[in-house]
C-alpha atoms as a PDB file:
ATOM      1  CA  UNK A   1      11.035  14.694 -33.548  1.00  0.00           C
ATOM      2  CA  UNK A   2      12.661  16.128 -30.424  1.00  0.00           C
ATOM      3  CA  UNK A   3      16.418  16.619 -30.829  1.00  0.00           C
ATOM      4  CA  UNK A   4      17.997  14.436 -28.110  1.00  0.00           C
ATOM      5  CA  UNK A   5      21.656  13.495 -28.302  1.00  0.00           C
ATOM      6  CA  UNK A   6      24.224  11.807 -26.083  1.00  0.00           C
ATOM      7  CA  UNK A   7      27.501  13.698 -25.815  1.00  0.00           C
ATOM      8  CA  UNK A   8      30.591  11.644 -24.944  1.00  0.00           C
ATOM      9  CA  UNK A   9      32.984  13.240 -22.461  1.00  0.00           C
ATOM     10  CA  UNK A  10      35.366  10.356 -21.911  1.00  0.00           C
ATOM     11  CA  UNK A  11      36.269   7.161 -23.746  1.00  0.00           C
ATOM     12  CA  UNK A  12      35.155   4.113 -21.799  1.00  0.00           C
ATOM     13  CA  UNK A  13      35.307   0.591 -23.214  1.00  0.00           C
ATOM     14  CA  UNK A  14      32.312  -1.071 -21.571  1.00  0.00           C
ATOM     15  CA  UNK A  15      32.860  -4.734 -20.770  1.00  0.00           C
ATOM     16  CA  UNK A  16      30.046  -7.008 -19.634  1.00  0.00           C
ATOM     17  CA  UNK A  17      28.211  -3.972 -18.268  1.00  0.00           C
ATOM     18  CA  UNK A  18      24.924  -3.411 -16.455  1.00  0.00           C
ATOM     19  CA  UNK A  19      23.159  -0.020 -16.669  1.00  0.00           C
ATOM     20  CA  UNK A  20      21.040   1.470 -13.881  1.00  0.00           C
ATOM     21  CA  UNK A  21      18.611   4.253 -14.850  1.00  0.00           C
ATOM     22  CA  UNK A  22      17.140   6.666 -12.303  1.00  0.00           C
ATOM     23  CA  UNK A  23      14.976   9.579 -13.441  1.00  0.00           C
ATOM     24  CA  UNK A  24      12.722  11.507 -11.028  1.00  0.00           C
ATOM     25  CA  UNK A  25       9.671   9.639  -9.758  1.00  0.00           C
ATOM     26  CA  UNK A  26       7.462   9.681  -6.652  1.00  0.00           C
ATOM     27  CA  UNK A  27       9.428  10.982  -3.687  1.00  0.00           C
ATOM     28  CA  UNK A  28      12.391  11.475  -6.047  1.00  0.00           C
ATOM     29  CA  UNK A  29      13.499   7.988  -4.955  1.00  0.00           C
ATOM     30  CA  UNK A  30      14.919   7.048  -8.364  1.00  0.00           C
ATOM     31  CA  UNK A  31      17.064  10.188  -8.602  1.00  0.00           C
ATOM     32  CA  UNK A  32      18.187   9.975  -4.978  1.00  0.00           C
ATOM     33  CA  UNK A  33      19.150   6.302  -5.376  1.00  0.00           C
ATOM     34  CA  UNK A  34      21.027   6.702  -8.672  1.00  0.00           C
ATOM     35  CA  UNK A  35      22.867   9.837  -7.511  1.00  0.00           C
ATOM     36  CA  UNK A  36      23.791   8.136  -4.246  1.00  0.00           C
ATOM     37  CA  UNK A  37      25.195   5.111  -6.089  1.00  0.00           C
ATOM     38  CA  UNK A  38      27.298   7.191  -8.462  1.00  0.00           C
ATOM     39  CA  UNK A  39      28.845   9.093  -5.536  1.00  0.00           C
ATOM     40  CA  UNK A  40      29.360   6.119  -3.236  1.00  0.00           C
ATOM     41  CA  UNK A  41      30.938   3.994  -5.972  1.00  0.00           C
ATOM     42  CA  UNK A  42      33.213   6.834  -7.089  1.00  0.00           C
ATOM     43  CA  UNK A  43      32.108   6.626 -10.724  1.00  0.00           C
ATOM     44  CA  UNK A  44      33.300   9.018 -13.442  1.00  0.00           C
ATOM     45  CA  UNK A  45      31.182  11.133 -15.763  1.00  0.00           C
ATOM     46  CA  UNK A  46      31.507   9.590 -19.234  1.00  0.00           C
ATOM     47  CA  UNK A  47      28.572  11.124 -21.140  1.00  0.00           C
ATOM     48  CA  UNK A  48      25.558  13.410 -20.900  1.00  0.00           C
ATOM     49  CA  UNK A  49      22.124  13.560 -22.514  1.00  0.00           C
ATOM     50  CA  UNK A  50      21.417  16.943 -24.090  1.00  0.00           C
ATOM     51  CA  UNK A  51      18.676  18.736 -25.979  1.00  0.00           C
ATOM     52  CA  UNK A  52      18.060  22.388 -26.866  1.00  0.00           C
ATOM     53  CA  UNK A  53      14.494  21.761 -25.687  1.00  0.00           C
ATOM     54  CA  UNK A  54      15.509  20.895 -22.106  1.00  0.00           C
ATOM     55  CA  UNK A  55      15.031  23.573 -19.397  1.00  0.00           C
ATOM     56  CA  UNK A  56      17.830  26.170 -19.464  1.00  0.00           C
ATOM     57  CA  UNK A  57      19.907  25.336 -16.411  1.00  0.00           C
ATOM     58  CA  UNK A  58      23.148  23.589 -15.476  1.00  0.00           C
ATOM     59  CA  UNK A  59      23.789  21.233 -12.562  1.00  0.00           C
ATOM     60  CA  UNK A  60      26.840  22.129 -10.436  1.00  0.00           C
ATOM     61  CA  UNK A  61      28.599  19.323  -8.548  1.00  0.00           C
ATOM     62  CA  UNK A  62      31.720  20.069  -6.511  1.00  0.00           C
ATOM     63  CA  UNK A  63      31.995  23.363  -8.378  1.00  0.00           C
ATOM     64  CA  UNK A  64      31.918  21.685 -11.796  1.00  0.00           C
ATOM     65  CA  UNK A  65      29.110  22.305 -14.344  1.00  0.00           C
ATOM     66  CA  UNK A  66      27.402  19.088 -15.360  1.00  0.00           C
ATOM     67  CA  UNK A  67      24.759  18.124 -17.942  1.00  0.00           C
ATOM     68  CA  UNK A  68      21.193  17.841 -16.681  1.00  0.00           C
ATOM     69  CA  UNK A  69      21.152  14.114 -17.496  1.00  0.00           C
ATOM     70  CA  UNK A  70      24.395  12.378 -16.651  1.00  0.00           C
ATOM     71  CA  UNK A  71      25.954   8.989 -17.409  1.00  0.00           C
ATOM     72  CA  UNK A  72      28.549   7.758 -14.927  1.00  0.00           C
ATOM     73  CA  UNK A  73      30.598   4.596 -15.209  1.00  0.00           C
ATOM     74  CA  UNK A  74      33.404   2.600 -13.636  1.00  0.00           C
ATOM     75  CA  UNK A  75      34.824  -0.904 -13.521  1.00  0.00           C
ATOM     76  CA  UNK A  76      34.102  -3.182 -10.594  1.00  0.00           C
ATOM     77  CA  UNK A  77      36.632  -5.264  -8.755  1.00  0.00           C
ATOM     78  CA  UNK A  78      36.630  -8.810 -10.209  1.00  0.00           C
ATOM     79  CA  UNK A  79      35.068 -11.512  -8.089  1.00  0.00           C
ATOM     80  CA  UNK A  80      36.597 -14.960  -8.478  1.00  0.00           C
ATOM     81  CA  UNK A  81      33.764 -16.649  -6.579  1.00  0.00           C
ATOM     82  CA  UNK A  82      30.524 -17.661  -8.254  1.00  0.00           C
ATOM     83  CA  UNK A  83      28.145 -15.768  -5.966  1.00  0.00           C
ATOM     84  CA  UNK A  84      25.167 -16.260  -8.242  1.00  0.00           C
ATOM     85  CA  UNK A  85      24.673 -12.577  -8.961  1.00  0.00           C
ATOM     86  CA  UNK A  86      24.245 -10.890 -12.315  1.00  0.00           C
ATOM     87  CA  UNK A  87      27.440 -11.245 -14.318  1.00  0.00           C
ATOM     88  CA  UNK A  88      28.774  -7.686 -14.300  1.00  0.00           C
ATOM     89  CA  UNK A  89      32.280  -6.295 -14.684  1.00  0.00           C
ATOM     90  CA  UNK A  90      31.283  -2.719 -15.448  1.00  0.00           C
ATOM     91  CA  UNK A  91      28.454  -0.450 -14.412  1.00  0.00           C
ATOM     92  CA  UNK A  92      26.784   2.590 -15.988  1.00  0.00           C
ATOM     93  CA  UNK A  93      24.447   4.846 -13.997  1.00  0.00           C
ATOM     94  CA  UNK A  94      22.113   7.310 -15.717  1.00  0.00           C
ATOM     95  CA  UNK A  95      20.718   9.966 -13.406  1.00  0.00           C
ATOM     96  CA  UNK A  96      18.898  13.297 -13.487  1.00  0.00           C
ATOM     97  CA  UNK A  97      16.915  15.628 -11.221  1.00  0.00           C
ATOM     98  CA  UNK A  98      14.324  17.077 -13.575  1.00  0.00           C
ATOM     99  CA  UNK A  99      11.216  15.458 -15.027  1.00  0.00           C
ATOM    100  CA  UNK A 100      11.272  15.605 -18.841  1.00  0.00           C
ATOM    101  CA  UNK A 101       8.171  16.732 -20.676  1.00  0.00           C
ATOM    102  CA  UNK A 102       5.943  13.917 -21.876  1.00  0.00           C
ATOM    103  CA  UNK A 103       6.926  14.522 -25.497  1.00  0.00           C
ATOM    104  CA  UNK A 104      10.607  14.189 -24.557  1.00  0.00           C
ATOM    105  CA  UNK A 105      10.353  10.824 -22.785  1.00  0.00           C
ATOM    106  CA  UNK A 106      10.122   8.579 -25.832  1.00  0.00           C
ATOM    107  CA  UNK A 107      13.148  10.068 -27.663  1.00  0.00           C
ATOM    108  CA  UNK A 108      15.207  10.031 -24.438  1.00  0.00           C
ATOM    109  CA  UNK A 109      14.379   6.359 -23.850  1.00  0.00           C
ATOM    110  CA  UNK A 110      15.157   5.403 -27.468  1.00  0.00           C
ATOM    111  CA  UNK A 111      18.440   7.376 -27.412  1.00  0.00           C
ATOM    112  CA  UNK A 112      19.466   5.476 -24.292  1.00  0.00           C
ATOM    113  CA  UNK A 113      18.486   2.085 -25.740  1.00  0.00           C
ATOM    114  CA  UNK A 114      20.520   2.880 -28.868  1.00  0.00           C
ATOM    115  CA  UNK A 115      23.472   3.926 -26.682  1.00  0.00           C
ATOM    116  CA  UNK A 116      23.208   0.710 -24.647  1.00  0.00           C
ATOM    117  CA  UNK A 117      23.317  -1.365 -27.833  1.00  0.00           C
ATOM    118  CA  UNK A 118      26.250   0.609 -29.231  1.00  0.00           C
ATOM    119  CA  UNK A 119      28.195  -0.070 -26.031  1.00  0.00           C
ATOM    120  CA  UNK A 120      27.230  -3.737 -25.719  1.00  0.00           C
ATOM    121  CA  UNK A 121      25.084  -3.228 -22.597  1.00  0.00           C
ATOM    122  CA  UNK A 122      22.437  -5.948 -22.587  1.00  0.00           C
ATOM    123  CA  UNK A 123      21.129  -5.769 -19.007  1.00  0.00           C
ATOM    124  CA  UNK A 124      19.395  -2.624 -17.746  1.00  0.00           C
ATOM    125  CA  UNK A 125      17.766  -1.901 -14.374  1.00  0.00           C
ATOM    126  CA  UNK A 126      15.386   1.057 -14.265  1.00  0.00           C
ATOM    127  CA  UNK A 127      14.226   2.522 -10.953  1.00  0.00           C
ATOM    128  CA  UNK A 128      10.769   3.952 -10.333  1.00  0.00           C
ATOM    129  CA  UNK A 129       8.546   4.952  -7.437  1.00  0.00           C
ATOM    130  CA  UNK A 130       5.025   3.950  -6.428  1.00  0.00           C
ATOM    131  CA  UNK A 131       2.851   5.549  -3.718  1.00  0.00           C
ATOM    132  CA  UNK A 132       3.408   4.605  -0.095  1.00  0.00           C
ATOM    133  CA  UNK A 133      -0.091   3.854   1.139  1.00  0.00           C
ATOM    134  CA  UNK A 134       0.722   3.139   4.804  1.00  0.00           C
ATOM    135  CA  UNK A 135       3.438   4.778   6.919  1.00  0.00           C
ATOM    136  CA  UNK A 136       6.709   2.791   6.983  1.00  0.00           C
ATOM    137  CA  UNK A 137       5.207  -0.104   4.988  1.00  0.00           C
ATOM    138  CA  UNK A 138       7.681   0.051   2.121  1.00  0.00           C
ATOM    139  CA  UNK A 139       7.425  -2.599  -0.553  1.00  0.00           C
ATOM    140  CA  UNK A 140       9.394  -3.549  -3.652  1.00  0.00           C
ATOM    141  CA  UNK A 141       7.962  -4.953  -6.879  1.00  0.00           C
ATOM    142  CA  UNK A 142       9.338  -5.412 -10.355  1.00  0.00           C
ATOM    143  CA  UNK A 143       8.675  -6.359 -13.936  1.00  0.00           C
ATOM    144  CA  UNK A 144      10.892  -7.434 -16.818  1.00  0.00           C
ATOM    145  CA  UNK A 145      11.049  -7.040 -20.586  1.00  0.00           C
ATOM    146  CA  UNK A 146      12.104 -10.637 -21.315  1.00  0.00           C
ATOM    147  CA  UNK A 147      11.715 -14.087 -19.836  1.00  0.00           C
ATOM    148  CA  UNK A 148      15.334 -13.929 -18.672  1.00  0.00           C
ATOM    149  CA  UNK A 149      14.704 -10.597 -16.937  1.00  0.00           C
ATOM    150  CA  UNK A 150      11.684 -12.059 -15.152  1.00  0.00           C
ATOM    151  CA  UNK A 151      13.709 -15.113 -14.119  1.00  0.00           C
ATOM    152  CA  UNK A 152      16.322 -12.824 -12.578  1.00  0.00           C
ATOM    153  CA  UNK A 153      13.565 -11.095 -10.593  1.00  0.00           C
ATOM    154  CA  UNK A 154      12.225 -14.419  -9.375  1.00  0.00           C
ATOM    155  CA  UNK A 155      15.712 -15.572  -8.390  1.00  0.00           C
ATOM    156  CA  UNK A 156      16.150 -12.538  -6.157  1.00  0.00           C
ATOM    157  CA  UNK A 157      12.635 -12.769  -4.760  1.00  0.00           C
ATOM    158  CA  UNK A 158      11.371  -9.509  -6.232  1.00  0.00           C
ATOM    159  CA  UNK A 159       7.579  -9.580  -6.145  1.00  0.00           C
ATOM    160  CA  UNK A 160       6.252  -9.459  -9.725  1.00  0.00           C
ATOM    161  CA  UNK A 161       4.134  -6.531 -10.843  1.00  0.00           C
ATOM    162  CA  UNK A 162       1.723  -8.538 -12.950  1.00  0.00           C
ATOM    163  CA  UNK A 163      -1.010  -6.127 -14.043  1.00  0.00           C
ATOM    164  CA  UNK A 164      -1.061  -2.372 -14.371  1.00  0.00           C
ATOM    165  CA  UNK A 165       0.788   0.419 -16.137  1.00  0.00           C
ATOM    166  CA  UNK A 166       4.423   1.529 -16.113  1.00  0.00           C
ATOM    167  CA  UNK A 167       4.655   5.147 -17.201  1.00  0.00           C
ATOM    168  CA  UNK A 168       7.380   7.392 -18.512  1.00  0.00           C
ATOM    169  CA  UNK A 169      10.888   6.452 -19.562  1.00  0.00           C
ATOM    170  CA  UNK A 170      10.772   3.120 -17.707  1.00  0.00           C
ATOM    171  CA  UNK A 171       7.607   2.123 -19.576  1.00  0.00           C
ATOM    172  CA  UNK A 172       9.060   3.038 -22.970  1.00  0.00           C
ATOM    173  CA  UNK A 173      12.247   1.109 -22.199  1.00  0.00           C
ATOM    174  CA  UNK A 174      10.360  -1.985 -21.060  1.00  0.00           C
ATOM    175  CA  UNK A 175       8.310  -2.323 -24.226  1.00  0.00           C
ATOM    176  CA  UNK A 176      11.015  -1.349 -26.689  1.00  0.00           C
ATOM    177  CA  UNK A 177      13.550  -3.432 -24.777  1.00  0.00           C
ATOM    178  CA  UNK A 178      11.316  -6.472 -25.272  1.00  0.00           C
ATOM    179  CA  UNK A 179      11.256  -5.769 -29.030  1.00  0.00           C
ATOM    180  CA  UNK A 180      15.057  -5.606 -29.081  1.00  0.00           C
ATOM    181  CA  UNK A 181      15.574  -8.674 -26.891  1.00  0.00           C
ATOM    182  CA  UNK A 182      17.248  -6.514 -24.235  1.00  0.00           C
ATOM    183  CA  UNK A 183      16.927  -7.643 -20.599  1.00  0.00           C
ATOM    184  CA  UNK A 184      15.346  -4.702 -18.797  1.00  0.00           C
ATOM    185  CA  UNK A 185      14.196  -4.962 -15.193  1.00  0.00           C
ATOM    186  CA  UNK A 186      12.071  -2.183 -13.704  1.00  0.00           C
ATOM    187  CA  UNK A 187      12.182  -2.072  -9.912  1.00  0.00           C
ATOM    188  CA  UNK A 188       9.257  -0.267  -8.289  1.00  0.00           C
ATOM    189  CA  UNK A 189       9.695   0.994  -4.740  1.00  0.00           C
ATOM    190  CA  UNK A 190       7.208   2.624  -2.361  1.00  0.00           C
ATOM    191  CA  UNK A 191       7.818   6.264  -1.531  1.00  0.00           C
ATOM    192  CA  UNK A 192       6.183   9.233   0.141  1.00  0.00           C
ATOM    193  CA  UNK A 193       4.608  11.509  -2.424  1.00  0.00           C
ATOM    194  CA  UNK A 194       4.677  14.740  -0.402  1.00  0.00           C
ATOM    195  CA  UNK A 195       8.437  15.085   0.189  1.00  0.00           C
ATOM    196  CA  UNK A 196      11.733  13.597  -1.043  1.00  0.00           C
ATOM    197  CA  UNK A 197      12.055  10.132   0.503  1.00  0.00           C
ATOM    198  CA  UNK A 198      15.633   8.957   1.257  1.00  0.00           C
ATOM    199  CA  UNK A 199      14.313   5.862   3.048  1.00  0.00           C
ATOM    200  CA  UNK A 200      12.375   4.854  -0.063  1.00  0.00           C
ATOM    201  CA  UNK A 201      15.592   5.323  -2.059  1.00  0.00           C
ATOM    202  CA  UNK A 202      17.514   3.086   0.357  1.00  0.00           C
ATOM    203  CA  UNK A 203      14.855   0.380   0.066  1.00  0.00           C
ATOM    204  CA  UNK A 204      15.035   0.669  -3.726  1.00  0.00           C
ATOM    205  CA  UNK A 205      18.774  -0.046  -3.638  1.00  0.00           C
ATOM    206  CA  UNK A 206      18.491  -3.227  -1.556  1.00  0.00           C
ATOM    207  CA  UNK A 207      17.557  -5.599  -4.434  1.00  0.00           C
ATOM    208  CA  UNK A 208      20.334  -4.123  -6.601  1.00  0.00           C
ATOM    209  CA  UNK A 209      22.895  -5.112  -3.995  1.00  0.00           C
ATOM    210  CA  UNK A 210      21.476  -8.633  -4.003  1.00  0.00           C
ATOM    211  CA  UNK A 211      21.549  -8.873  -7.798  1.00  0.00           C
ATOM    212  CA  UNK A 212      25.062  -7.377  -8.073  1.00  0.00           C
ATOM    213  CA  UNK A 213      26.715  -8.672  -4.869  1.00  0.00           C
ATOM    214  CA  UNK A 214      29.981  -6.760  -5.237  1.00  0.00           C
ATOM    215  CA  UNK A 215      28.130  -3.457  -4.951  1.00  0.00           C
ATOM    216  CA  UNK A 216      28.298  -2.682  -1.259  1.00  0.00           C
ATOM    217  CA  UNK A 217      26.675   0.558  -0.171  1.00  0.00           C
ATOM    218  CA  UNK A 218      26.539   2.108   3.281  1.00  0.00           C
ATOM    219  CA  UNK A 219      22.906   3.200   3.560  1.00  0.00           C
ATOM    220  CA  UNK A 220      23.422   5.144   6.796  1.00  0.00           C
ATOM    221  CA  UNK A 221      23.758   8.545   5.030  1.00  0.00           C
ATOM    222  CA  UNK A 222      20.324   8.050   3.446  1.00  0.00           C
ATOM    223  CA  UNK A 223      18.715   7.129   6.770  1.00  0.00           C
ATOM    224  CA  UNK A 224      20.449  10.093   8.444  1.00  0.00           C
ATOM    225  CA  UNK A 225      19.181  12.371   5.676  1.00  0.00           C
ATOM    226  CA  UNK A 226      15.653  11.086   6.305  1.00  0.00           C
ATOM    227  CA  UNK A 227      16.019  11.714  10.037  1.00  0.00           C
ATOM    228  CA  UNK A 228      17.279  15.267   9.452  1.00  0.00           C
ATOM    229  CA  UNK A 229      14.443  15.964   7.012  1.00  0.00           C
ATOM    230  CA  UNK A 230      11.793  14.720   9.443  1.00  0.00           C
ATOM    231  CA  UNK A 231      13.311  16.825  12.228  1.00  0.00           C
ATOM    232  CA  UNK A 232      13.193  19.974  10.054  1.00  0.00           C
ATOM    233  CA  UNK A 233       9.594  19.255   9.042  1.00  0.00           C
ATOM    234  CA  UNK A 234       8.586  18.719  12.676  1.00  0.00           C
ATOM    235  CA  UNK A 235      10.190  22.018  13.635  1.00  0.00           C
ATOM    236  CA  UNK A 236       8.274  23.818  10.877  1.00  0.00           C
ATOM    237  CA  UNK A 237       4.915  22.397  11.940  1.00  0.00           C
ATOM    238  CA  UNK A 238       5.370  22.651  15.720  1.00  0.00           C
ATOM    239  CA  UNK A 239       3.168  25.286  17.427  1.00  0.00           C
ATOM    240  CA  UNK A 240       5.055  28.381  18.698  1.00  0.00           C
ATOM    241  CA  UNK A 241       6.050  28.453  22.334  1.00  0.00           C
ATOM    242  CA  UNK A 242       3.886  30.865  24.343  1.00  0.00           C
ATOM    243  CA  UNK A 243       5.379  34.251  25.195  1.00  0.00           C
ATOM    244  CA  UNK A 244       5.605  34.928  28.934  1.00  0.00           C
ATOM    245  CA  UNK A 245       3.696  38.152  28.326  1.00  0.00           C
ATOM    246  CA  UNK A 246       0.912  36.474  26.406  1.00  0.00           C
ATOM    247  CA  UNK A 247      -2.459  36.288  28.158  1.00  0.00           C
ATOM    248  CA  UNK A 248      -4.046  32.884  27.638  1.00  0.00           C
ATOM    249  CA  UNK A 249      -7.828  32.596  27.611  1.00  0.00           C
ATOM    250  CA  UNK A 250      -9.851  29.465  28.143  1.00  0.00           C
END
């Protein structure tokens, strides 16, 4: 069995929490979305997922070395109004930039499910990408581990993914979450497969803001990042301007 462990960096008493999981997927949309949320919400690093079998590198953020797989958390401002969203006073975000080996995915998923149970986290949203088949025709689908999870999806008008296969950590969590009676919702968002897709990440975050209304994110940085990326790609593929001394034939 692969040695995967969760190292605690800071005590955090989770209360009525929802976890959001974003590992790399098509267009890196899951990682982009989860990293963006942790930064925008000003969450603190509370734990990291470690293994001697992970690739030998360290993530540096703001000059600080970080674990390759990070768990951020923070309390939300209480909302006295019944807005119909998921009941959530605390949030945990699990994020990473590297794709674990296939043999690592099951133990990582089980370690996280165990950690969720230990901390009383009963609702989990995992993010994943699916291919974008037509330019700018982004779509969102989802599936749930329990009847309650599927009812939440229906309430927020997330198109159900009825038949097919969910791979990787999200797939392991869905099945094992159903065995544990844990409400796990996997949100699938379209993304470009050839480059990182900030627009796909922004689209992936839209249903989360509907389900957890007090999470308000300014998506403009993601759209600006997409615009800058497209401009750089266009500059790389543009034909060179002709030299005044070049003789043109034809």
